[in-house]
Amino acid sequence: MKFDLSEIGIKSGLQYECITTTVNKEGVKNAGAFAFEYLGDDKVKCHIFEGSKTLKNILDTNEYVVNITQNPLVFTYATLDCLGDEYYTDDESIAIIKNTPAYIIVDVENVEIKTPENFPIKGDSNIYFIYGKIRKLVVNDERAAAFNRGMSALIESLVNFSRYKIVDEEKRKEYMDKLIENQRVINKVSDEKTKKAISDLKSEYEKY
């Protein structure tokens, strides 16, 4: 079955920041902020470092929910592992964020375990690439849009550039270092327009 995720701002092959919700075997709900990638048709992928409650629940139940939201409190509390019960719907067998603009229920099809050698975050933890199939897409708000952090990285770099010519050398180096990191993020998660924008901006930085 094919799904059209463009209606919630998701394009195939790009990476989006979403809230992944799961339920453990005892029925306790959990939420975490993780990257999500749409592979086309009904196929999706996410990658999660080992050790998280979300990963354990996914491996135990073979399902998870991708909540499409830009609520800053939900992102913060999910990351801090303190999202309260009041943020969830009353469904007992599945965890869904209350009033989320859209959500996707995913059935796990395959899990690959990889070492973190090729990732910017170095450490001893393995990374689990979780491939899944969309079971259901629910859109509660036609304005729903998944968050791609490449745009935030670009905006930050543009704001810094507006100050670049008037700050001292130490601050310029700080801005350039941030630009390089932001470009790395954009090249990993964003579309071609955003990649071109950060490349053109870097060329302007290098003139000074």
N, C-alpha and C. Protein backbone atom coordinates (compact mmCIF):
# COMPACT_ATOMS: atom_id res chain seq x y z
N MET A 1 0.84 -1.20 0.00
CA MET A 1 0.00 0.00 0.00
C MET A 1 0.87 1.25 0.00
N LYS A 2 0.50 2.23 -0.81
CA LYS A 2 1.27 3.46 -0.88
C LYS A 2 0.65 4.53 0.01
N PHE A 3 1.51 5.34 0.60
CA PHE A 3 1.07 6.45 1.43
C PHE A 3 1.66 7.74 0.88
N ASP A 4 0.89 8.81 0.93
CA ASP A 4 1.37 10.11 0.49
C ASP A 4 1.71 10.94 1.73
N LEU A 5 2.99 10.92 2.11
CA LEU A 5 3.40 11.66 3.29
C LEU A 5 3.71 13.12 2.99
N SER A 6 3.60 13.50 1.72
CA SER A 6 3.84 14.91 1.38
C SER A 6 2.80 15.82 2.03
N GLU A 7 1.63 15.28 2.34
CA GLU A 7 0.60 16.10 2.98
C GLU A 7 0.97 16.50 4.40
N ILE A 8 1.97 15.83 4.97
CA ILE A 8 2.46 16.24 6.29
C ILE A 8 3.92 16.71 6.19
N GLY A 9 4.29 17.16 5.00
CA GLY A 9 5.59 17.79 4.81
C GLY A 9 6.77 16.85 4.77
N ILE A 10 6.54 15.57 4.46
CA ILE A 10 7.62 14.59 4.46
C ILE A 10 7.93 14.16 3.03
N LYS A 11 9.20 14.29 2.65
CA LYS A 11 9.67 13.85 1.34
C LYS A 11 10.54 12.61 1.49
N SER A 12 10.49 11.76 0.50
CA SER A 12 11.29 10.54 0.52
C SER A 12 12.78 10.86 0.52
N GLY A 13 13.53 10.16 1.37
CA GLY A 13 14.98 10.30 1.40
C GLY A 13 15.51 11.37 2.32
N LEU A 14 14.63 12.20 2.88
CA LEU A 14 15.07 13.23 3.81
C LEU A 14 14.83 12.77 5.25
N GLN A 15 15.48 13.45 6.17
CA GLN A 15 15.41 13.05 7.58
C GLN A 15 14.65 14.10 8.38
N TYR A 16 13.75 13.64 9.24
CA TYR A 16 12.91 14.54 10.02
C TYR A 16 13.00 14.20 11.50
N GLU A 17 12.82 15.23 12.32
CA GLU A 17 12.83 15.03 13.77
C GLU A 17 11.39 14.85 14.24
N CYS A 18 11.12 13.73 14.85
CA CYS A 18 9.76 13.40 15.29
C CYS A 18 9.80 12.80 16.70
N ILE A 19 8.64 12.64 17.29
CA ILE A 19 8.53 12.00 18.59
C ILE A 19 8.08 10.56 18.40
N THR A 20 8.94 9.63 18.78
CA THR A 20 8.62 8.21 18.68
C THR A 20 8.05 7.74 20.01
N THR A 21 6.86 7.17 19.96
CA THR A 21 6.22 6.68 21.18
C THR A 21 6.05 5.17 21.12
N THR A 22 6.21 4.55 22.29
CA THR A 22 6.13 3.09 22.39
C THR A 22 5.46 2.72 23.70
N VAL A 23 5.12 1.43 23.82
CA VAL A 23 4.56 0.88 25.05
C VAL A 23 5.35 -0.37 25.39
N ASN A 24 5.73 -0.53 26.67
CA ASN A 24 6.45 -1.75 27.03
C ASN A 24 5.47 -2.88 27.35
N LYS A 25 5.99 -4.04 27.71
CA LYS A 25 5.14 -5.21 27.94
C LYS A 25 4.19 -5.03 29.13
N GLU A 26 4.54 -4.11 30.02
CA GLU A 26 3.69 -3.84 31.19
C GLU A 26 2.68 -2.74 30.92
N GLY A 27 2.69 -2.20 29.70
CA GLY A 27 1.73 -1.16 29.34
C GLY A 27 2.17 0.25 29.67
N VAL A 28 3.44 0.43 30.05
CA VAL A 28 3.95 1.76 30.38
C VAL A 28 4.38 2.46 29.09
N LYS A 29 3.90 3.68 28.91
CA LYS A 29 4.19 4.43 27.69
C LYS A 29 5.51 5.20 27.81
N ASN A 30 6.15 5.38 26.66
CA ASN A 30 7.42 6.09 26.63
C ASN A 30 7.51 6.92 25.35
N ALA A 31 8.22 8.03 25.43
CA ALA A 31 8.41 8.89 24.26
C ALA A 31 9.86 9.31 24.15
N GLY A 32 10.36 9.38 22.93
CA GLY A 32 11.72 9.85 22.68
C GLY A 32 11.77 10.61 21.38
N ALA A 33 12.68 11.57 21.29
CA ALA A 33 12.85 12.35 20.07
C ALA A 33 13.92 11.69 19.20
N PHE A 34 13.52 11.20 18.03
CA PHE A 34 14.45 10.49 17.15
C PHE A 34 14.23 10.91 15.70
N ALA A 35 15.29 10.74 14.91
CA ALA A 35 15.21 11.03 13.49
C ALA A 35 14.42 9.94 12.78
N PHE A 36 13.69 10.36 11.76
CA PHE A 36 12.80 9.47 11.02
C PHE A 36 13.00 9.74 9.53
N GLU A 37 13.04 8.67 8.74
CA GLU A 37 13.23 8.82 7.29
C GLU A 37 12.19 8.01 6.54
N TYR A 38 11.56 8.66 5.57
CA TYR A 38 10.58 8.00 4.70
C TYR A 38 11.32 7.47 3.48
N LEU A 39 11.14 6.18 3.18
CA LEU A 39 11.86 5.54 2.09
C LEU A 39 11.02 5.38 0.83
N GLY A 40 9.77 5.82 0.89
CA GLY A 40 8.88 5.69 -0.27
C GLY A 40 7.85 4.60 -0.06
N ASP A 41 6.71 4.73 -0.77
CA ASP A 41 5.58 3.79 -0.66
C ASP A 41 5.15 3.67 0.81
N ASP A 42 5.32 2.49 1.41
CA ASP A 42 4.94 2.33 2.82
C ASP A 42 6.14 2.00 3.69
N LYS A 43 7.35 2.32 3.21
CA LYS A 43 8.57 1.95 3.92
C LYS A 43 9.18 3.15 4.66
N VAL A 44 9.66 2.89 5.88
CA VAL A 44 10.27 3.94 6.70
C VAL A 44 11.49 3.38 7.42
N LYS A 45 12.28 4.30 7.97
CA LYS A 45 13.48 3.89 8.71
C LYS A 45 13.75 4.87 9.84
N CYS A 46 14.24 4.36 10.95
CA CYS A 46 14.76 5.23 11.99
C CYS A 46 16.02 4.57 12.54
N HIS A 47 16.89 5.35 13.15
CA HIS A 47 18.06 4.74 13.79
C HIS A 47 18.17 5.25 15.22
N ILE A 48 18.44 4.31 16.12
CA ILE A 48 18.43 4.59 17.56
C ILE A 48 19.64 3.92 18.20
N PHE A 49 20.34 4.67 19.05
CA PHE A 49 21.46 4.09 19.78
C PHE A 49 20.95 3.12 20.84
N GLU A 50 21.72 2.06 21.07
CA GLU A 50 21.31 1.07 22.05
C GLU A 50 21.31 1.68 23.45
N GLY A 51 20.44 1.13 24.31
CA GLY A 51 20.38 1.59 25.68
C GLY A 51 19.14 2.39 26.02
N SER A 52 18.36 2.79 25.00
CA SER A 52 17.18 3.61 25.27
C SER A 52 15.95 2.74 25.53
N LYS A 53 15.00 3.30 26.28
CA LYS A 53 13.73 2.61 26.52
C LYS A 53 12.98 2.41 25.21
N THR A 54 13.05 3.42 24.35
CA THR A 54 12.36 3.33 23.06
C THR A 54 12.83 2.12 22.27
N LEU A 55 14.13 1.94 22.20
CA LEU A 55 14.67 0.81 21.45
C LEU A 55 14.21 -0.51 22.05
N LYS A 56 14.30 -0.64 23.36
CA LYS A 56 13.88 -1.89 24.01
C LYS A 56 12.42 -2.20 23.71
N ASN A 57 11.58 -1.17 23.81
CA ASN A 57 10.15 -1.38 23.56
C ASN A 57 9.89 -1.79 22.11
N ILE A 58 10.61 -1.16 21.18
CA ILE A 58 10.44 -1.51 19.77
C ILE A 58 10.85 -2.95 19.51
N LEU A 59 11.97 -3.36 20.08
CA LEU A 59 12.44 -4.73 19.88
C LEU A 59 11.50 -5.74 20.53
N ASP A 60 10.86 -5.34 21.64
CA ASP A 60 9.95 -6.25 22.34
C ASP A 60 8.59 -6.37 21.65
N THR A 61 8.11 -5.25 21.08
CA THR A 61 6.73 -5.23 20.56
C THR A 61 6.64 -5.18 19.03
N ASN A 62 7.76 -4.84 18.38
CA ASN A 62 7.80 -4.74 16.91
C ASN A 62 6.84 -3.70 16.34
N GLU A 63 6.62 -2.64 17.10
CA GLU A 63 5.81 -1.53 16.58
C GLU A 63 6.18 -0.25 17.31
N TYR A 64 5.90 0.88 16.65
CA TYR A 64 6.08 2.18 17.28
C TYR A 64 5.22 3.20 16.54
N VAL A 65 5.09 4.37 17.15
CA VAL A 65 4.30 5.45 16.55
C VAL A 65 5.19 6.66 16.33
N VAL A 66 5.13 7.22 15.14
CA VAL A 66 5.84 8.46 14.83
C VAL A 66 4.84 9.61 14.93
N ASN A 67 5.05 10.49 15.90
CA ASN A 67 4.16 11.63 16.11
C ASN A 67 4.74 12.86 15.42
N ILE A 68 3.95 13.45 14.53
CA ILE A 68 4.38 14.63 13.79
C ILE A 68 3.93 15.86 14.56
N THR A 69 4.86 16.53 15.20
CA THR A 69 4.54 17.69 16.01
C THR A 69 5.72 18.65 16.03
N GLN A 70 5.43 19.91 16.31
CA GLN A 70 6.48 20.89 16.53
C GLN A 70 6.31 21.55 17.90
N ASN A 71 5.65 20.84 18.80
CA ASN A 71 5.44 21.33 20.16
C ASN A 71 6.77 21.30 20.92
N PRO A 72 7.30 22.45 21.33
CA PRO A 72 8.61 22.47 21.99
C PRO A 72 8.63 21.74 23.33
N LEU A 73 7.51 21.76 24.06
CA LEU A 73 7.47 21.07 25.34
C LEU A 73 7.51 19.56 25.15
N VAL A 74 6.80 19.06 24.15
CA VAL A 74 6.81 17.62 23.88
C VAL A 74 8.21 17.17 23.50
N PHE A 75 8.89 17.93 22.64
CA PHE A 75 10.25 17.56 22.25
C PHE A 75 11.18 17.57 23.46
N THR A 76 11.04 18.58 24.30
CA THR A 76 11.93 18.70 25.46
C THR A 76 11.69 17.59 26.47
N TYR A 77 10.44 17.38 26.85
CA TYR A 77 10.15 16.37 27.87
C TYR A 77 10.41 14.96 27.36
N ALA A 78 10.19 14.73 26.06
CA ALA A 78 10.49 13.41 25.50
C ALA A 78 12.00 13.15 25.54
N THR A 79 12.79 14.17 25.23
CA THR A 79 14.24 14.03 25.26
C THR A 79 14.75 13.83 26.68
N LEU A 80 14.12 14.51 27.64
CA LEU A 80 14.51 14.39 29.05
C LEU A 80 13.89 13.17 29.73
N ASP A 81 13.11 12.40 28.97
CA ASP A 81 12.45 11.20 29.48
C ASP A 81 11.52 11.50 30.65
N CYS A 82 10.76 12.59 30.51
CA CYS A 82 9.83 12.94 31.59
C CYS A 82 8.48 13.43 31.03
N LEU A 83 8.09 12.89 29.87
CA LEU A 83 6.80 13.26 29.30
C LEU A 83 5.69 12.59 30.12
N GLY A 84 4.86 13.40 30.75
CA GLY A 84 3.84 12.88 31.66
C GLY A 84 2.67 12.22 30.96
N ASP A 85 1.91 11.44 31.72
CA ASP A 85 0.76 10.72 31.18
C ASP A 85 -0.27 11.65 30.56
N GLU A 86 -0.32 12.89 31.04
CA GLU A 86 -1.31 13.84 30.53
C GLU A 86 -1.06 14.21 29.07
N TYR A 87 0.12 13.89 28.55
CA TYR A 87 0.44 14.19 27.16
C TYR A 87 -0.01 13.10 26.19
N TYR A 88 -0.45 11.96 26.73
CA TYR A 88 -0.86 10.85 25.87
C TYR A 88 -2.37 10.75 25.77
N THR A 89 -2.83 10.13 24.69
CA THR A 89 -4.26 9.82 24.56
C THR A 89 -4.61 8.70 25.55
N ASP A 90 -5.89 8.40 25.66
CA ASP A 90 -6.35 7.38 26.61
C ASP A 90 -6.20 5.96 26.07
N ASP A 91 -5.73 5.80 24.85
CA ASP A 91 -5.53 4.45 24.31
C ASP A 91 -4.59 3.66 25.21
N GLU A 92 -4.95 2.45 25.55
CA GLU A 92 -4.14 1.65 26.47
C GLU A 92 -3.08 0.81 25.77
N SER A 93 -3.38 0.34 24.58
CA SER A 93 -2.48 -0.60 23.91
C SER A 93 -1.47 0.06 23.00
N ILE A 94 -1.58 1.38 22.83
CA ILE A 94 -0.67 2.09 21.94
C ILE A 94 -0.43 3.49 22.50
N ALA A 95 0.77 4.02 22.28
CA ALA A 95 1.12 5.34 22.80
C ALA A 95 1.04 6.38 21.69
N ILE A 96 0.14 7.34 21.84
CA ILE A 96 -0.03 8.42 20.87
C ILE A 96 -0.08 9.74 21.63
N ILE A 97 0.64 10.74 21.12
CA ILE A 97 0.63 12.05 21.77
C ILE A 97 -0.72 12.72 21.56
N LYS A 98 -1.29 13.22 22.64
CA LYS A 98 -2.59 13.88 22.59
C LYS A 98 -2.51 15.15 21.73
N ASN A 99 -3.49 15.33 20.88
CA ASN A 99 -3.60 16.52 20.01
C ASN A 99 -2.43 16.66 19.03
N THR A 100 -1.74 15.57 18.75
CA THR A 100 -0.66 15.65 17.77
C THR A 100 -1.27 15.90 16.39
N PRO A 101 -0.68 16.80 15.59
CA PRO A 101 -1.26 17.11 14.27
C PRO A 101 -1.39 15.90 13.35
N ALA A 102 -0.46 14.95 13.47
CA ALA A 102 -0.52 13.74 12.65
C ALA A 102 0.33 12.66 13.31
N TYR A 103 0.02 11.41 13.00
CA TYR A 103 0.87 10.33 13.50
C TYR A 103 0.85 9.15 12.54
N ILE A 104 1.92 8.35 12.63
CA ILE A 104 2.10 7.19 11.76
C ILE A 104 2.36 5.98 12.64
N ILE A 105 1.57 4.93 12.47
CA ILE A 105 1.81 3.68 13.19
C ILE A 105 2.66 2.78 12.29
N VAL A 106 3.77 2.29 12.84
CA VAL A 106 4.75 1.53 12.05
C VAL A 106 4.93 0.13 12.62
N ASP A 107 4.92 -0.86 11.74
CA ASP A 107 5.26 -2.24 12.10
C ASP A 107 6.69 -2.51 11.68
N VAL A 108 7.49 -3.03 12.60
CA VAL A 108 8.91 -3.30 12.32
C VAL A 108 9.04 -4.51 11.40
N GLU A 109 9.87 -4.37 10.37
CA GLU A 109 10.12 -5.47 9.43
C GLU A 109 11.52 -6.04 9.56
N ASN A 110 12.48 -5.17 9.85
CA ASN A 110 13.87 -5.64 9.90
C ASN A 110 14.69 -4.71 10.78
N VAL A 111 15.67 -5.28 11.47
CA VAL A 111 16.56 -4.49 12.33
C VAL A 111 18.00 -4.84 11.98
N GLU A 112 18.82 -3.81 11.73
CA GLU A 112 20.24 -4.00 11.47
C GLU A 112 21.04 -3.31 12.57
N ILE A 113 22.04 -4.00 13.09
CA ILE A 113 22.89 -3.44 14.13
C ILE A 113 24.21 -3.01 13.50
N LYS A 114 24.58 -1.75 13.73
CA LYS A 114 25.82 -1.22 13.16
C LYS A 114 26.64 -0.53 14.24
N THR A 115 27.94 -0.51 14.03
CA THR A 115 28.83 0.20 14.95
C THR A 115 28.82 1.68 14.60
N PRO A 116 29.16 2.55 15.56
CA PRO A 116 29.07 4.00 15.33
C PRO A 116 30.28 4.61 14.63
N GLU A 117 31.06 3.82 13.91
CA GLU A 117 32.30 4.31 13.32
C GLU A 117 32.09 5.47 12.35
N ASN A 118 30.99 5.42 11.60
CA ASN A 118 30.76 6.44 10.57
C ASN A 118 29.81 7.53 11.01
N PHE A 119 29.62 7.66 12.32
CA PHE A 119 28.72 8.68 12.83
C PHE A 119 29.51 9.76 13.56
N PRO A 120 28.97 10.99 13.57
CA PRO A 120 29.69 12.09 14.22
C PRO A 120 29.80 11.92 15.73
N ILE A 121 28.89 11.14 16.33
CA ILE A 121 28.94 10.90 17.77
C ILE A 121 29.69 9.60 17.99
N LYS A 122 30.89 9.69 18.52
CA LYS A 122 31.72 8.51 18.72
C LYS A 122 31.46 7.93 20.11
N GLY A 123 31.52 6.62 20.19
CA GLY A 123 31.31 5.97 21.47
C GLY A 123 31.30 4.47 21.30
N ASP A 124 30.94 3.78 22.36
CA ASP A 124 30.95 2.33 22.33
C ASP A 124 29.60 1.72 21.98
N SER A 125 28.56 2.55 21.92
CA SER A 125 27.21 2.03 21.70
C SER A 125 26.97 1.73 20.22
N ASN A 126 26.32 0.61 19.97
CA ASN A 126 25.91 0.27 18.62
C ASN A 126 24.68 1.09 18.23
N ILE A 127 24.43 1.15 16.93
CA ILE A 127 23.28 1.86 16.41
C ILE A 127 22.36 0.85 15.73
N TYR A 128 21.09 0.94 16.04
CA TYR A 128 20.11 0.04 15.46
C TYR A 128 19.36 0.76 14.34
N PHE A 129 19.47 0.24 13.13
CA PHE A 129 18.71 0.75 12.00
C PHE A 129 17.43 -0.08 11.93
N ILE A 130 16.31 0.59 12.13
CA ILE A 130 15.03 -0.11 12.23
C ILE A 130 14.19 0.21 10.99
N TYR A 131 13.96 -0.80 10.19
CA TYR A 131 13.18 -0.65 8.97
C TYR A 131 11.75 -1.12 9.23
N GLY A 132 10.80 -0.32 8.78
CA GLY A 132 9.42 -0.66 9.07
C GLY A 132 8.47 -0.40 7.92
N LYS A 133 7.24 -0.81 8.14
CA LYS A 133 6.16 -0.66 7.17
C LYS A 133 5.03 0.13 7.82
N ILE A 134 4.55 1.14 7.12
CA ILE A 134 3.46 1.96 7.66
C ILE A 134 2.17 1.14 7.71
N ARG A 135 1.60 1.07 8.90
CA ARG A 135 0.31 0.40 9.06
C ARG A 135 -0.84 1.39 8.89
N LYS A 136 -0.62 2.60 9.42
CA LYS A 136 -1.71 3.58 9.42
C LYS A 136 -1.15 4.99 9.49
N LEU A 137 -1.74 5.89 8.73
CA LEU A 137 -1.42 7.32 8.78
C LEU A 137 -2.68 8.07 9.17
N VAL A 138 -2.57 8.89 10.21
CA VAL A 138 -3.71 9.69 10.67
C VAL A 138 -3.30 11.16 10.67
N VAL A 139 -4.06 11.98 9.95
CA VAL A 139 -3.80 13.42 9.90
C VAL A 139 -4.95 14.13 10.61
N ASN A 140 -4.65 14.74 11.74
CA ASN A 140 -5.66 15.45 12.53
C ASN A 140 -5.73 16.94 12.19
N ASP A 141 -4.67 17.45 11.59
CA ASP A 141 -4.59 18.87 11.27
C ASP A 141 -3.96 19.01 9.89
N GLU A 142 -4.66 19.63 8.96
CA GLU A 142 -4.14 19.76 7.60
C GLU A 142 -2.88 20.61 7.54
N ARG A 143 -2.58 21.32 8.61
CA ARG A 143 -1.35 22.13 8.66
C ARG A 143 -0.17 21.35 9.22
N ALA A 144 -0.36 20.07 9.51
CA ALA A 144 0.70 19.24 10.08
C ALA A 144 1.93 19.27 9.18
N ALA A 145 3.10 19.41 9.79
CA ALA A 145 4.35 19.44 9.03
C ALA A 145 5.48 18.89 9.89
N ALA A 146 6.16 17.89 9.36
CA ALA A 146 7.31 17.32 10.07
C ALA A 146 8.45 18.33 10.10
N PHE A 147 9.26 18.24 11.15
CA PHE A 147 10.34 19.21 11.36
C PHE A 147 11.65 18.67 10.82
N ASN A 148 12.24 19.41 9.88
CA ASN A 148 13.56 19.09 9.36
C ASN A 148 14.54 20.12 9.94
N ARG A 149 15.52 19.67 10.71
CA ARG A 149 16.37 20.61 11.43
C ARG A 149 17.36 21.35 10.54
N GLY A 150 17.42 20.98 9.26
CA GLY A 150 18.29 21.69 8.35
C GLY A 150 17.91 23.16 8.21
N MET A 151 16.60 23.46 8.21
CA MET A 151 16.17 24.85 8.09
C MET A 151 16.60 25.66 9.31
N SER A 152 16.51 25.07 10.49
CA SER A 152 16.95 25.77 11.70
C SER A 152 18.45 26.05 11.64
N ALA A 153 19.21 25.07 11.14
CA ALA A 153 20.65 25.25 11.02
C ALA A 153 20.98 26.37 10.03
N LEU A 154 20.22 26.44 8.94
CA LEU A 154 20.44 27.50 7.96
C LEU A 154 20.11 28.86 8.55
N ILE A 155 18.98 28.97 9.24
CA ILE A 155 18.58 30.25 9.83
C ILE A 155 19.62 30.72 10.84
N GLU A 156 20.12 29.81 11.66
CA GLU A 156 21.16 30.17 12.64
C GLU A 156 22.39 30.72 11.93
N SER A 157 22.78 30.08 10.84
CA SER A 157 23.96 30.53 10.10
C SER A 157 23.73 31.89 9.46
N LEU A 158 22.51 32.14 9.00
CA LEU A 158 22.18 33.44 8.41
C LEU A 158 22.21 34.55 9.46
N VAL A 159 21.67 34.25 10.64
CA VAL A 159 21.70 35.23 11.72
C VAL A 159 23.14 35.56 12.10
N ASN A 160 23.97 34.53 12.21
CA ASN A 160 25.38 34.75 12.55
C ASN A 160 26.09 35.58 11.47
N PHE A 161 25.73 35.32 10.20
CA PHE A 161 26.38 36.07 9.12
C PHE A 161 26.04 37.56 9.18
N SER A 162 24.83 37.87 9.64
CA SER A 162 24.44 39.28 9.73
C SER A 162 25.31 40.04 10.73
N ARG A 163 26.01 39.30 11.60
CA ARG A 163 26.88 39.92 12.60
C ARG A 163 28.36 39.69 12.30
N TYR A 164 28.62 38.87 11.28
CA TYR A 164 29.97 38.37 11.04
C TYR A 164 30.98 39.49 10.78
N LYS A 165 30.55 40.53 10.06
CA LYS A 165 31.47 41.60 9.67
C LYS A 165 31.78 42.58 10.80
N ILE A 166 31.03 42.51 11.89
CA ILE A 166 31.22 43.52 12.94
C ILE A 166 31.77 42.93 14.24
N VAL A 167 32.07 41.64 14.24
CA VAL A 167 32.59 41.02 15.47
C VAL A 167 34.10 40.82 15.35
N ASP A 168 34.74 40.49 16.47
CA ASP A 168 36.19 40.30 16.46
C ASP A 168 36.56 38.93 15.89
N GLU A 169 37.86 38.69 15.74
CA GLU A 169 38.34 37.47 15.09
C GLU A 169 37.94 36.21 15.86
N GLU A 170 37.96 36.28 17.17
CA GLU A 170 37.59 35.11 17.97
C GLU A 170 36.13 34.72 17.72
N LYS A 171 35.27 35.72 17.67
CA LYS A 171 33.86 35.45 17.42
C LYS A 171 33.64 34.97 16.00
N ARG A 172 34.41 35.51 15.06
CA ARG A 172 34.30 35.06 13.66
C ARG A 172 34.64 33.57 13.55
N LYS A 173 35.69 33.17 14.25
CA LYS A 173 36.06 31.75 14.23
C LYS A 173 34.93 30.89 14.80
N GLU A 174 34.31 31.37 15.87
CA GLU A 174 33.19 30.64 16.47
C GLU A 174 32.04 30.50 15.48
N TYR A 175 31.74 31.60 14.77
CA TYR A 175 30.66 31.55 13.78
C TYR A 175 31.01 30.62 12.62
N MET A 176 32.28 30.65 12.19
CA MET A 176 32.69 29.78 11.09
C MET A 176 32.61 28.31 11.51
N ASP A 177 33.03 28.01 12.72
CA ASP A 177 32.95 26.63 13.22
C ASP A 177 31.49 26.16 13.25
N LYS A 178 30.60 27.05 13.67
CA LYS A 178 29.17 26.71 13.71
C LYS A 178 28.64 26.50 12.29
N LEU A 179 29.10 27.34 11.36
CA LEU A 179 28.67 27.19 9.97
C LEU A 179 29.08 25.83 9.41
N ILE A 180 30.32 25.43 9.68
CA ILE A 180 30.82 24.14 9.19
C ILE A 180 29.99 23.00 9.75
N GLU A 181 29.67 23.06 11.04
CA GLU A 181 28.84 22.02 11.65
C GLU A 181 27.42 22.05 11.09
N ASN A 182 26.88 23.25 10.91
CA ASN A 182 25.53 23.35 10.35
C ASN A 182 25.48 22.82 8.92
N GLN A 183 26.54 23.07 8.16
CA GLN A 183 26.57 22.54 6.80
C GLN A 183 26.63 21.01 6.81
N ARG A 184 27.36 20.45 7.76
CA ARG A 184 27.41 18.99 7.87
C ARG A 184 26.01 18.43 8.12
N VAL A 185 25.28 19.06 9.04
CA VAL A 185 23.92 18.62 9.35
C VAL A 185 23.02 18.75 8.13
N ILE A 186 23.08 19.89 7.47
CA ILE A 186 22.23 20.14 6.30
C ILE A 186 22.52 19.13 5.19
N ASN A 187 23.78 18.86 4.94
CA ASN A 187 24.13 17.91 3.89
C ASN A 187 23.64 16.50 4.21
N LYS A 188 23.42 16.23 5.48
CA LYS A 188 22.95 14.91 5.89
C LYS A 188 21.43 14.79 5.83
N VAL A 189 20.70 15.86 6.20
CA VAL A 189 19.26 15.69 6.43
C VAL A 189 18.36 16.50 5.50
N SER A 190 18.92 17.44 4.72
CA SER A 190 18.07 18.40 4.02
C SER A 190 18.00 18.18 2.51
N ASP A 191 17.15 19.00 1.88
CA ASP A 191 16.96 18.90 0.44
C ASP A 191 18.02 19.71 -0.30
N GLU A 192 17.98 19.64 -1.63
CA GLU A 192 19.02 20.26 -2.45
C GLU A 192 19.02 21.79 -2.35
N LYS A 193 17.84 22.39 -2.20
CA LYS A 193 17.78 23.85 -2.08
C LYS A 193 18.49 24.33 -0.82
N THR A 194 18.26 23.63 0.28
CA THR A 194 18.89 24.02 1.54
C THR A 194 20.40 23.78 1.49
N LYS A 195 20.81 22.70 0.83
CA LYS A 195 22.24 22.42 0.66
C LYS A 195 22.91 23.52 -0.17
N LYS A 196 22.24 23.96 -1.22
CA LYS A 196 22.80 25.03 -2.05
C LYS A 196 22.86 26.34 -1.26
N ALA A 197 21.82 26.59 -0.47
CA ALA A 197 21.78 27.83 0.31
C ALA A 197 22.95 27.91 1.28
N ILE A 198 23.23 26.82 2.00
CA ILE A 198 24.33 26.86 2.98
C ILE A 198 25.67 26.91 2.27
N SER A 199 25.77 26.30 1.08
CA SER A 199 27.01 26.36 0.31
C SER A 199 27.28 27.78 -0.17
N ASP A 200 26.24 28.45 -0.67
CA ASP A 200 26.39 29.83 -1.12
C ASP A 200 26.74 30.75 0.06
N LEU A 201 26.12 30.48 1.19
CA LEU A 201 26.39 31.30 2.38
C LEU A 201 27.84 31.12 2.83
N LYS A 202 28.33 29.90 2.79
CA LYS A 202 29.72 29.66 3.18
C LYS A 202 30.68 30.43 2.28
N SER A 203 30.36 30.51 1.00
CA SER A 203 31.20 31.26 0.07
C SER A 203 31.27 32.73 0.46
N GLU A 204 30.16 33.26 0.95
CA GLU A 204 30.14 34.66 1.41
C GLU A 204 30.95 34.82 2.69
N TYR A 205 30.83 33.87 3.60
CA TYR A 205 31.63 33.90 4.83
C TYR A 205 33.12 33.99 4.48
N GLU A 206 33.53 33.20 3.49
CA GLU A 206 34.95 33.08 3.17
C GLU A 206 35.52 34.32 2.49
N LYS A 207 34.69 35.27 2.13
CA LYS A 207 35.17 36.52 1.53
C LYS A 207 35.75 37.47 2.57
N TYR A 208 35.45 37.21 3.85
CA TYR A 208 35.86 38.15 4.90
C TYR A 208 36.94 37.54 5.79
